[in-house]
Amino acid sequence: MNLPTVTWRKAVAAIAATVLGLLAIVIVTRSDGLPAVDAASSRATHWFVHQPTGRVVLADGFGGRALASLDVGSRGEQISVAEGAPGAYVVNDTTAEARSIDSAELTLGAPVGISALGTGRAVAAVGQAGLVVVNPVADEATVLPVEGESSSFDVDSGTAVVIAPDGSVWSLVDGDLVRTTSTSTRTFTLGVTSATLSLVGNQPFVVDGENHRALLGDGSWQDIPTAADASEIVGQQTGPTSTCGWVGANDELWCISTDGVEETATIDGLDIDGSDLLAIAGDAAAVVRRGPSSIVRFDWRSSELLSDTSTTVSSDAALRVTATVDLVWIDDSAGDFVWAVNPWSIEAIDKNAQGILVLSDEGDIVDEGEPGVGEPGGADSSAAAEPETREPDDNGVDDPPIAIDDSVTARSGASVPIQVTANDYDPDGEAIAVSEVGNAGHGTVDIGTASTVVYVPEPGYVGVDQFDYTIVDGNGSEASAVAVVELLAVDATNNPPLGVDDQAQTGSGVAVIVEVLLNDVDPERDSLQIGSFSPPEGVGETALGEVTETVGPSGLPALSFAPVEGFEGTAIFSYRPVDSLDAIGDDVEVRVEVARVNGENRPPDARPDAIRLRRNIETALPVLV
């Protein structure tokens, strides 16, 4: 029997690709009569191109690391990535082809020819129906739907062209604003001679610096309250849905809605001019300077320039800016780095870091990578991973414990237990326990057990929250870390659970309980059950043992394996985890090593224990469980 398995590094990357997202979907009406979805979404992960190797790389903007890369086989060719709520695509403007990216399976679809590609100047984005590509040279657009054949239509690209999340194409043509879909074209008379065009969600945002005014969506022109020269006025880069669009000049910022100026900020030293790029996405904000190139993060709410997080980049870097909810990505499209600006930091992510998992276009492992190299220390507690074994240093010095940041994903409206100590450790091998928790911005936090904290979100809150926690070892030494919780909408897409292979040992003829669900993870933190399991494959007609479902010491469903008398060696069987909404995961392998009857007697493995107690109450500590 061949059991499908998933390596732990591919499992971690797949989980991050499928669960680090907040989907905010708003139904509107399209001019061509079809329902439109504002598909702009906040995603903690995003795909980028590493041109020197011809790979596309999945980056985690909150964790600040590259998770995995797919070898496109396009080294030396002009490739880019277009990504939106319906999916992601590799766009090759050299071969005039596009390939879909399956972010869950970490594979690429077959190449599909796109007539709007091939000039080297294509503009591509993902709309409601699928990939949209505009050829500004030939004034042609092509739509490649998620399912079905591609179709083309005419579009006047004018002096500027952008593609909205609903799939419509906006352009500035002879001073007027034009919206084009596959079925209709609509022109809005503006009469501008020099203006910039970007998007706020699906709404066009036009900044006419010469006349000190800006226009959002179907609203009217609003004055920009500044005497700055037109060359110093900058409109925001395309970003997620908001009630207003940002304009900057010198040290001042204004967020302009359909009715006027909605927000203002004055930040000493911001010094925006016409060569800069301005990106504001929720609580993430940055200015990208061009000479010399640098990235400056700022807080528009507190009018504070966060100079401690300024980042200098190569002076010849070709920087591309992408903004989603609470994340601003700045990609050196021809270089090695992409920078992720989130609400609390700026992360430099090496797209070609040593240790990245490299897969072929079919998802086969090309390079397993070197675990722990090129990644921040510690495992994401929302991602399935094999436990790391550390030997005590035994140097006679009491070292403090090491606390490592955690991040989890969960559905809004339910309490979230987080085993924060799962990736923490003590260098001396001492037991560690949670001793204190801080406050969260949108919920409450309490200590559940010695290893677990419980986060309860505010009713209806969807977004990112965080809090501090402190651990202590047996000698009272402390360490602290941060737990980040990303809350999905209740009706967010339900993804199947992802399991991690399990191993156990037992003696000849001795049954063993395997807690198979303890290291498995559901992306939305839904409760897990064992959906199905199979017995180990025997030799000929001889069975190796019996597998039954039971309840483990943790209280979770578990599997019991009872080897038949006389069997010695390794028994392999599998199971499938299922979540409370009936999403079924892939087969997970379980290996049980049955010791020889007359084999060497091996000592037991002792692990540190910790428990949380009330004062003056005697409590038994089950150290052998």
Foldseek 3Di string as FASTA:
>chain_A
DDADADDQLVQQQLLLLPFQWFFDWDWDADPVGDIFILFFIDGQWDWAAAQQQQKIWIAGQVQQETRFIARPVQHPFDWTKAATNVFIWIATLQVQWIWTADSNLRFIHDTDHHPLGNPSDKDWYAAPQGIWIANQVQQKIWGDGPDDHIDIDGHHAAPHWDAANRGWIWHQHQNWIWIDDRVDIDIGHGNADDWDWAAARRWIWIARLCQQWIATHPADIEHNPDPDHSQQKDWAHHEYHDQFTWIDGAQKIFTAHSVYTDDIAGAPPPTGGNQWHWHDAALWTWIFDQVQTKIWTAGRVVSYTPVVQIGGDHNPFPWDWYYGHQWIWIDSNNHQWIWITGNPHIHTYGRPFAFHFYAYNGGHTPDNGDPPGRGDAWDAQQTFHDQDDADAPPPPDFDWKAFEEYEAEAAAPDKDKTQRCRGIQGNRQFDKFWDDKFQKDFFGWDADKRRIIITHGHHPDAAKMKIKTKMATPVGHIDMYMYMYGHYYPPPDFAWKDFEAAEEEDEAQDKDKTARCPRIHGSNRFDKAWPFKDAFDDDPPDGQWDKDWDADPVRGIIIMTGGDHPDFAKTKIWTWMAGPVGRIHGIHIYIYGYHDPPDDDDDDDFHHDDTDDDPPDDDDDPRPD
